[in-house]
């Protein structure tokens, strides 16, 4: 069983530098600023409440182990200061 190579296109033509047209960055539409402004005016406020609730839950979840660790360190310091 012989395998055939896929057919390829050999009509490659290099572009001449005369064909390249430079343009300023300001001419590109829409700009990143316009895209972000559009997002914040149309979509961001719709999801703000749910994202704020999730953020608060994440912060509370992260704060509980930190407070528990701080309490353990304080207990360790108190026990280290007492004589046996």
PDB file of N, CA and C in Angstrom:
ATOM      1  N   UNK A   1       0.848  -1.168   0.000  1.00  0.00           N
ATOM      2  CA  UNK A   1       0.000   0.000   0.000  1.00  0.00           C
ATOM      3  C   UNK A   1       0.901   1.242   0.000  1.00  0.00           C
ATOM      4  N   UNK A   2       0.800   2.050  -0.985  1.00  0.00           N
ATOM      5  CA  UNK A   2       1.628   3.258  -1.063  1.00  0.00           C
ATOM      6  C   UNK A   2       0.806   4.469  -0.635  1.00  0.00           C
ATOM      7  N   UNK A   3       1.468   5.339   0.066  1.00  0.00           N
ATOM      8  CA  UNK A   3       0.793   6.564   0.517  1.00  0.00           C
ATOM      9  C   UNK A   3       1.168   7.691  -0.421  1.00  0.00           C
ATOM     10  N   UNK A   4       0.195   8.501  -0.713  1.00  0.00           N
ATOM     11  CA  UNK A   4       0.443   9.652  -1.579  1.00  0.00           C
ATOM     12  C   UNK A   4       0.617  10.900  -0.723  1.00  0.00           C
ATOM     13  N   UNK A   5       1.482  11.744  -1.144  1.00  0.00           N
ATOM     14  CA  UNK A   5       1.669  13.020  -0.460  1.00  0.00           C
ATOM     15  C   UNK A   5       0.507  13.936  -0.804  1.00  0.00           C
ATOM     16  N   UNK A   6       0.114  14.789   0.139  1.00  0.00           N
ATOM     17  CA  UNK A   6      -0.975  15.724  -0.175  1.00  0.00           C
ATOM     18  C   UNK A   6      -0.523  16.732  -1.221  1.00  0.00           C
ATOM     19  N   UNK A   7      -1.451  17.161  -2.028  1.00  0.00           N
ATOM     20  CA  UNK A   7      -1.143  18.165  -3.041  1.00  0.00           C
ATOM     21  C   UNK A   7      -0.944  19.504  -2.360  1.00  0.00           C
ATOM     22  N   UNK A   8       0.022  20.223  -2.799  1.00  0.00           N
ATOM     23  CA  UNK A   8       0.304  21.533  -2.231  1.00  0.00           C
ATOM     24  C   UNK A   8       0.204  22.596  -3.304  1.00  0.00           C
ATOM     25  N   UNK A   9       0.049  23.826  -2.851  1.00  0.00           N
ATOM     26  CA  UNK A   9      -0.073  24.961  -3.761  1.00  0.00           C
ATOM     27  C   UNK A   9       1.297  25.620  -3.888  1.00  0.00           C
ATOM     28  N   UNK A  10       1.824  25.660  -5.075  1.00  0.00           N
ATOM     29  CA  UNK A  10       3.138  26.239  -5.300  1.00  0.00           C
ATOM     30  C   UNK A  10       3.065  27.635  -5.900  1.00  0.00           C
ATOM     31  N   UNK A  11       1.925  28.297  -5.798  1.00  0.00           N
ATOM     32  CA  UNK A  11       1.749  29.615  -6.410  1.00  0.00           C
ATOM     33  C   UNK A  11       2.068  30.745  -5.437  1.00  0.00           C
ATOM     34  N   UNK A  12       3.041  30.545  -4.562  1.00  0.00           N
ATOM     35  CA  UNK A  12       3.411  31.570  -3.592  1.00  0.00           C
ATOM     36  C   UNK A  12       4.072  32.737  -4.310  1.00  0.00           C
ATOM     37  N   UNK A  13       3.638  33.930  -3.945  1.00  0.00           N
ATOM     38  CA  UNK A  13       4.253  35.132  -4.507  1.00  0.00           C
ATOM     39  C   UNK A  13       4.606  36.060  -3.354  1.00  0.00           C
ATOM     40  N   UNK A  14       5.838  36.463  -3.307  1.00  0.00           N
ATOM     41  CA  UNK A  14       6.284  37.370  -2.252  1.00  0.00           C
ATOM     42  C   UNK A  14       5.695  38.754  -2.476  1.00  0.00           C
ATOM     43  N   UNK A  15       5.334  39.419  -1.398  1.00  0.00           N
ATOM     44  CA  UNK A  15       4.786  40.768  -1.504  1.00  0.00           C
ATOM     45  C   UNK A  15       5.919  41.762  -1.686  1.00  0.00           C
ATOM     46  N   UNK A  16       5.703  42.697  -2.551  1.00  0.00           N
ATOM     47  CA  UNK A  16       6.676  43.761  -2.752  1.00  0.00           C
ATOM     48  C   UNK A  16       6.460  44.832  -1.686  1.00  0.00           C
ATOM     49  N   UNK A  17       7.517  45.505  -1.286  1.00  0.00           N
ATOM     50  CA  UNK A  17       7.391  46.537  -0.268  1.00  0.00           C
ATOM     51  C   UNK A  17       6.570  47.723  -0.746  1.00  0.00           C
ATOM     52  N   UNK A  18       6.406  47.870  -2.043  1.00  0.00           N
ATOM     53  CA  UNK A  18       5.589  48.966  -2.561  1.00  0.00           C
ATOM     54  C   UNK A  18       4.106  48.758  -2.247  1.00  0.00           C
ATOM     55  N   UNK A  19       3.702  47.505  -1.997  1.00  0.00           N
ATOM     56  CA  UNK A  19       2.292  47.220  -1.737  1.00  0.00           C
ATOM     57  C   UNK A  19       1.892  47.478  -0.289  1.00  0.00           C
ATOM     58  N   UNK A  20       2.837  47.706   0.591  1.00  0.00           N
ATOM     59  CA  UNK A  20       2.545  47.872   2.009  1.00  0.00           C
ATOM     60  C   UNK A  20       2.170  49.316   2.279  1.00  0.00           C
ATOM     61  N   UNK A  21       1.042  49.496   2.954  1.00  0.00           N
ATOM     62  CA  UNK A  21       0.573  50.834   3.299  1.00  0.00           C
ATOM     63  C   UNK A  21       0.604  50.959   4.830  1.00  0.00           C
ATOM     64  N   UNK A  22       1.415  51.852   5.315  1.00  0.00           N
ATOM     65  CA  UNK A  22       1.466  52.077   6.755  1.00  0.00           C
ATOM     66  C   UNK A  22       0.353  53.009   7.178  1.00  0.00           C
ATOM     67  N   UNK A  23      -0.094  52.858   8.408  1.00  0.00           N
ATOM     68  CA  UNK A  23      -1.103  53.761   8.923  1.00  0.00           C
ATOM     69  C   UNK A  23      -0.854  54.007  10.397  1.00  0.00           C
ATOM     70  N   UNK A  24      -1.409  55.091  10.887  1.00  0.00           N
ATOM     71  CA  UNK A  24      -1.220  55.459  12.282  1.00  0.00           C
ATOM     72  C   UNK A  24      -2.063  54.567  13.176  1.00  0.00           C
ATOM     73  N   UNK A  25      -1.656  54.471  14.427  1.00  0.00           N
ATOM     74  CA  UNK A  25      -2.388  53.656  15.391  1.00  0.00           C
ATOM     75  C   UNK A  25      -3.779  54.238  15.629  1.00  0.00           C
ATOM     76  N   UNK A  26      -3.912  55.555  15.574  1.00  0.00           N
ATOM     77  CA  UNK A  26      -5.209  56.186  15.807  1.00  0.00           C
ATOM     78  C   UNK A  26      -6.230  55.820  14.744  1.00  0.00           C
ATOM     79  N   UNK A  27      -5.771  55.388  13.576  1.00  0.00           N
ATOM     80  CA  UNK A  27      -6.690  55.049  12.494  1.00  0.00           C
ATOM     81  C   UNK A  27      -7.347  53.691  12.677  1.00  0.00           C
ATOM     82  N   UNK A  28      -6.834  52.857  13.567  1.00  0.00           N
ATOM     83  CA  UNK A  28      -7.403  51.528  13.797  1.00  0.00           C
ATOM     84  C   UNK A  28      -8.720  51.675  14.552  1.00  0.00           C
ATOM     85  N   UNK A  29      -9.763  51.117  14.047  1.00  0.00           N
ATOM     86  CA  UNK A  29     -11.078  51.186  14.685  1.00  0.00           C
ATOM     87  C   UNK A  29     -11.567  49.795  14.946  1.00  0.00           C
ATOM     88  N   UNK A  30     -12.236  49.462  15.978  1.00  0.00           N
ATOM     89  CA  UNK A  30     -12.378  50.240  17.206  1.00  0.00           C
ATOM     90  C   UNK A  30     -11.142  50.092  18.087  1.00  0.00           C
ATOM     91  N   UNK A  31     -10.847  51.108  18.828  1.00  0.00           N
ATOM     92  CA  UNK A  31      -9.681  51.077  19.690  1.00  0.00           C
ATOM     93  C   UNK A  31      -9.975  50.275  20.953  1.00  0.00           C
ATOM     94  N   UNK A  32      -8.934  49.906  21.653  1.00  0.00           N
ATOM     95  CA  UNK A  32      -9.104  49.165  22.898  1.00  0.00           C
ATOM     96  C   UNK A  32      -9.895  49.980  23.902  1.00  0.00           C
ATOM     97  N   UNK A  33      -9.640  51.278  23.940  1.00  0.00           N
ATOM     98  CA  UNK A  33     -10.365  52.152  24.863  1.00  0.00           C
ATOM     99  C   UNK A  33     -11.856  52.138  24.550  1.00  0.00           C
ATOM    100  N   UNK A  34     -12.198  52.179  23.263  1.00  0.00           N
ATOM    101  CA  UNK A  34     -13.610  52.152  22.878  1.00  0.00           C
ATOM    102  C   UNK A  34     -14.253  50.818  23.229  1.00  0.00           C
ATOM    103  N   UNK A  35     -13.526  49.728  23.043  1.00  0.00           N
ATOM    104  CA  UNK A  35     -14.066  48.416  23.388  1.00  0.00           C
ATOM    105  C   UNK A  35     -14.317  48.300  24.886  1.00  0.00           C
ATOM    106  N   UNK A  36     -13.358  48.736  25.704  1.00  0.00           N
ATOM    107  CA  UNK A  36     -13.535  48.642  27.149  1.00  0.00           C
ATOM    108  C   UNK A  36     -14.630  49.590  27.631  1.00  0.00           C
ATOM    109  N   UNK A  37     -14.725  50.775  27.042  1.00  0.00           N
ATOM    110  CA  UNK A  37     -15.781  51.713  27.416  1.00  0.00           C
ATOM    111  C   UNK A  37     -17.150  51.114  27.090  1.00  0.00           C
ATOM    112  N   UNK A  38     -17.257  50.479  25.927  1.00  0.00           N
ATOM    113  CA  UNK A  38     -18.503  49.840  25.533  1.00  0.00           C
ATOM    114  C   UNK A  38     -18.862  48.716  26.494  1.00  0.00           C
ATOM    115  N   UNK A  39     -17.882  47.920  26.882  1.00  0.00           N
ATOM    116  CA  UNK A  39     -18.138  46.826  27.825  1.00  0.00           C
ATOM    117  C   UNK A  39     -18.633  47.365  29.159  1.00  0.00           C
ATOM    118  N   UNK A  40     -17.968  48.376  29.699  1.00  0.00           N
ATOM    119  CA  UNK A  40     -18.347  48.889  31.009  1.00  0.00           C
ATOM    120  C   UNK A  40     -19.683  49.612  30.984  1.00  0.00           C
ATOM    121  N   UNK A  41     -20.066  50.218  29.864  1.00  0.00           N
ATOM    122  CA  UNK A  41     -21.357  50.901  29.819  1.00  0.00           C
ATOM    123  C   UNK A  41     -22.507  49.937  29.589  1.00  0.00           C
ATOM    124  N   UNK A  42     -22.279  48.830  28.885  1.00  0.00           N
ATOM    125  CA  UNK A  42     -23.390  47.943  28.543  1.00  0.00           C
ATOM    126  C   UNK A  42     -23.483  46.691  29.401  1.00  0.00           C
ATOM    127  N   UNK A  43     -22.365  46.075  29.753  1.00  0.00           N
ATOM    128  CA  UNK A  43     -22.420  44.750  30.339  1.00  0.00           C
ATOM    129  C   UNK A  43     -21.950  44.660  31.783  1.00  0.00           C
ATOM    130  N   UNK A  44     -21.017  45.471  32.192  1.00  0.00           N
ATOM    131  CA  UNK A  44     -20.385  45.292  33.503  1.00  0.00           C
ATOM    132  C   UNK A  44     -21.368  45.460  34.648  1.00  0.00           C
ATOM    133  N   UNK A  45     -22.275  46.411  34.558  1.00  0.00           N
ATOM    134  CA  UNK A  45     -23.186  46.654  35.678  1.00  0.00           C
ATOM    135  C   UNK A  45     -24.198  45.533  35.858  1.00  0.00           C
ATOM    136  N   UNK A  46     -24.450  44.734  34.833  1.00  0.00           N
ATOM    137  CA  UNK A  46     -25.415  43.644  34.946  1.00  0.00           C
ATOM    138  C   UNK A  46     -24.908  42.531  35.851  1.00  0.00           C
ATOM    139  N   UNK A  47     -23.603  42.317  35.879  1.00  0.00           N
ATOM    140  CA  UNK A  47     -23.033  41.222  36.634  1.00  0.00           C
ATOM    141  C   UNK A  47     -22.365  41.680  37.932  1.00  0.00           C
ATOM    142  N   UNK A  48     -22.446  42.965  38.236  1.00  0.00           N
ATOM    143  CA  UNK A  48     -21.701  43.503  39.375  1.00  0.00           C
ATOM    144  C   UNK A  48     -22.168  42.898  40.697  1.00  0.00           C
ATOM    145  N   UNK A  49     -23.464  42.786  40.906  1.00  0.00           N
ATOM    146  CA  UNK A  49     -23.980  42.296  42.198  1.00  0.00           C
ATOM    147  C   UNK A  49     -23.561  40.855  42.443  1.00  0.00           C
ATOM    148  N   UNK A  50     -23.712  40.008  41.450  1.00  0.00           N
ATOM    149  CA  UNK A  50     -23.338  38.599  41.653  1.00  0.00           C
ATOM    150  C   UNK A  50     -21.829  38.457  41.829  1.00  0.00           C
ATOM    151  N   UNK A  51     -21.047  39.220  41.098  1.00  0.00           N
ATOM    152  CA  UNK A  51     -19.599  39.160  41.252  1.00  0.00           C
ATOM    153  C   UNK A  51     -19.165  39.703  42.611  1.00  0.00           C
ATOM    154  N   UNK A  52     -19.857  40.710  43.118  1.00  0.00           N
ATOM    155  CA  UNK A  52     -19.532  41.258  44.438  1.00  0.00           C
ATOM    156  C   UNK A  52     -19.826  40.226  45.528  1.00  0.00           C
ATOM    157  N   UNK A  53     -20.921  39.493  45.401  1.00  0.00           N
ATOM    158  CA  UNK A  53     -21.265  38.462  46.386  1.00  0.00           C
ATOM    159  C   UNK A  53     -20.219  37.350  46.361  1.00  0.00           C
ATOM    160  N   UNK A  54     -19.843  36.913  45.176  1.00  0.00           N
ATOM    161  CA  UNK A  54     -18.829  35.851  45.062  1.00  0.00           C
ATOM    162  C   UNK A  54     -17.497  36.337  45.629  1.00  0.00           C
ATOM    163  N   UNK A  55     -17.129  37.579  45.352  1.00  0.00           N
ATOM    164  CA  UNK A  55     -15.888  38.134  45.884  1.00  0.00           C
ATOM    165  C   UNK A  55     -15.904  38.160  47.412  1.00  0.00           C
ATOM    166  N   UNK A  56     -17.019  38.575  48.000  1.00  0.00           N
ATOM    167  CA  UNK A  56     -17.121  38.605  49.465  1.00  0.00           C
ATOM    168  C   UNK A  56     -17.024  37.207  50.052  1.00  0.00           C
ATOM    169  N   UNK A  57     -17.656  36.235  49.413  1.00  0.00           N
ATOM    170  CA  UNK A  57     -17.559  34.856  49.896  1.00  0.00           C
ATOM    171  C   UNK A  57     -16.121  34.341  49.828  1.00  0.00           C
ATOM    172  N   UNK A  58     -15.426  34.658  48.753  1.00  0.00           N
ATOM    173  CA  UNK A  58     -14.024  34.245  48.634  1.00  0.00           C
ATOM    174  C   UNK A  58     -13.156  34.900  49.700  1.00  0.00           C
ATOM    175  N   UNK A  59     -13.392  36.182  49.968  1.00  0.00           N
ATOM    176  CA  UNK A  59     -12.605  36.874  50.982  1.00  0.00           C
ATOM    177  C   UNK A  59     -12.887  36.306  52.363  1.00  0.00           C
ATOM    178  N   UNK A  60     -14.144  35.986  52.660  1.00  0.00           N
ATOM    179  CA  UNK A  60     -14.472  35.392  53.956  1.00  0.00           C
ATOM    180  C   UNK A  60     -13.849  34.006  54.076  1.00  0.00           C
ATOM    181  N   UNK A  61     -13.858  33.251  52.992  1.00  0.00           N
ATOM    182  CA  UNK A  61     -13.258  31.919  52.999  1.00  0.00           C
ATOM    183  C   UNK A  61     -11.759  32.008  53.234  1.00  0.00           C
ATOM    184  N   UNK A  62     -11.118  33.016  52.684  1.00  0.00           N
ATOM    185  CA  UNK A  62      -9.672  33.180  52.879  1.00  0.00           C
ATOM    186  C   UNK A  62      -9.363  33.770  54.260  1.00  0.00           C
ATOM    187  N   UNK A  63     -10.268  34.578  54.790  1.00  0.00           N
ATOM    188  CA  UNK A  63     -10.006  35.235  56.068  1.00  0.00           C
ATOM    189  C   UNK A  63     -10.125  34.277  57.248  1.00  0.00           C
ATOM    190  N   UNK A  64     -11.023  33.325  57.170  1.00  0.00           N
ATOM    191  CA  UNK A  64     -11.213  32.404  58.302  1.00  0.00           C
ATOM    192  C   UNK A  64      -9.953  31.618  58.644  1.00  0.00           C
ATOM    193  N   UNK A  65      -9.258  30.994  57.718  1.00  0.00           N
ATOM    194  CA  UNK A  65      -8.013  30.308  58.082  1.00  0.00           C
ATOM    195  C   UNK A  65      -6.932  31.265  58.591  1.00  0.00           C
ATOM    196  N   UNK A  66      -6.882  32.473  58.043  1.00  0.00           N
ATOM    197  CA  UNK A  66      -5.894  33.443  58.521  1.00  0.00           C
ATOM    198  C   UNK A  66      -6.173  33.826  59.975  1.00  0.00           C
ATOM    199  N   UNK A  67      -7.418  34.064  60.313  1.00  0.00           N
ATOM    200  CA  UNK A  67      -7.769  34.396  61.696  1.00  0.00           C
ATOM    201  C   UNK A  67      -7.509  33.214  62.622  1.00  0.00           C
ATOM    202  N   UNK A  68      -7.824  32.021  62.182  1.00  0.00           N
ATOM    203  CA  UNK A  68      -7.564  30.831  62.985  1.00  0.00           C
ATOM    204  C   UNK A  68      -6.058  30.648  63.205  1.00  0.00           C
ATOM    205  N   UNK A  69      -5.261  30.887  62.170  1.00  0.00           N
ATOM    206  CA  UNK A  69      -3.801  30.804  62.307  1.00  0.00           C
ATOM    207  C   UNK A  69      -3.263  31.858  63.249  1.00  0.00           C
ATOM    208  N   UNK A  70      -3.796  33.069  63.178  1.00  0.00           N
ATOM    209  CA  UNK A  70      -3.361  34.130  64.086  1.00  0.00           C
ATOM    210  C   UNK A  70      -3.708  33.778  65.531  1.00  0.00           C
ATOM    211  N   UNK A  71      -4.883  33.192  65.734  1.00  0.00           N
ATOM    212  CA  UNK A  71      -5.273  32.766  67.077  1.00  0.00           C
ATOM    213  C   UNK A  71      -4.330  31.679  67.603  1.00  0.00           C
ATOM    214  N   UNK A  72      -3.936  30.748  66.756  1.00  0.00           N
ATOM    215  CA  UNK A  72      -3.006  29.687  67.167  1.00  0.00           C
ATOM    216  C   UNK A  72      -1.646  30.264  67.513  1.00  0.00           C
ATOM    217  N   UNK A  73      -1.185  31.253  66.762  1.00  0.00           N
ATOM    218  CA  UNK A  73       0.104  31.876  67.058  1.00  0.00           C
ATOM    219  C   UNK A  73       0.045  32.604  68.393  1.00  0.00           C
ATOM    220  N   UNK A  74      -1.047  33.291  68.658  1.00  0.00           N
ATOM    221  CA  UNK A  74      -1.197  33.997  69.938  1.00  0.00           C
ATOM    222  C   UNK A  74      -1.214  33.000  71.096  1.00  0.00           C
ATOM    223  N   UNK A  75      -1.913  31.884  70.937  1.00  0.00           N
ATOM    224  CA  UNK A  75      -1.919  30.858  71.974  1.00  0.00           C
ATOM    225  C   UNK A  75      -0.521  30.279  72.186  1.00  0.00           C
ATOM    226  N   UNK A  76       0.222  30.072  71.109  1.00  0.00           N
ATOM    227  CA  UNK A  76       1.589  29.559  71.214  1.00  0.00           C
ATOM    228  C   UNK A  76       2.483  30.530  71.967  1.00  0.00           C
ATOM    229  N   UNK A  77       2.345  31.807  71.678  1.00  0.00           N
ATOM    230  CA  UNK A  77       3.143  32.822  72.370  1.00  0.00           C
ATOM    231  C   UNK A  77       2.785  32.850  73.847  1.00  0.00           C
ATOM    232  N   UNK A  78       1.498  32.756  74.164  1.00  0.00           N
ATOM    233  CA  UNK A  78       1.063  32.760  75.563  1.00  0.00           C
ATOM    234  C   UNK A  78       1.592  31.513  76.295  1.00  0.00           C
ATOM    235  N   UNK A  79       1.563  30.366  75.646  1.00  0.00           N
ATOM    236  CA  UNK A  79       2.061  29.143  76.294  1.00  0.00           C
ATOM    237  C   UNK A  79       3.584  29.160  76.439  1.00  0.00           C
ATOM    238  N   UNK A  80       4.297  29.797  75.501  1.00  0.00           N
ATOM    239  CA  UNK A  80       5.748  29.838  75.573  1.00  0.00           C
ATOM    240  C   UNK A  80       6.212  30.728  76.717  1.00  0.00           C
ATOM    241  N   UNK A  81       5.387  31.693  77.107  1.00  0.00           N
ATOM    242  CA  UNK A  81       5.762  32.603  78.190  1.00  0.00           C
ATOM    243  C   UNK A  81       5.522  32.028  79.571  1.00  0.00           C
ATOM    244  N   UNK A  82       4.723  30.980  79.679  1.00  0.00           N
ATOM    245  CA  UNK A  82       4.410  30.383  80.992  1.00  0.00           C
ATOM    246  C   UNK A  82       5.488  29.374  81.379  1.00  0.00           C
ATOM    247  N   UNK A  83       5.818  29.327  82.661  1.00  0.00           N
ATOM    248  CA  UNK A  83       6.780  28.304  83.104  1.00  0.00           C
ATOM    249  C   UNK A  83       6.120  26.933  83.167  1.00  0.00           C
ATOM    250  N   UNK A  84       6.913  25.885  83.011  1.00  0.00           N
ATOM    251  CA  UNK A  84       6.383  24.512  83.040  1.00  0.00           C
ATOM    252  C   UNK A  84       6.078  24.103  84.411  1.00  0.00           C
TER     253      UNK A  84
END
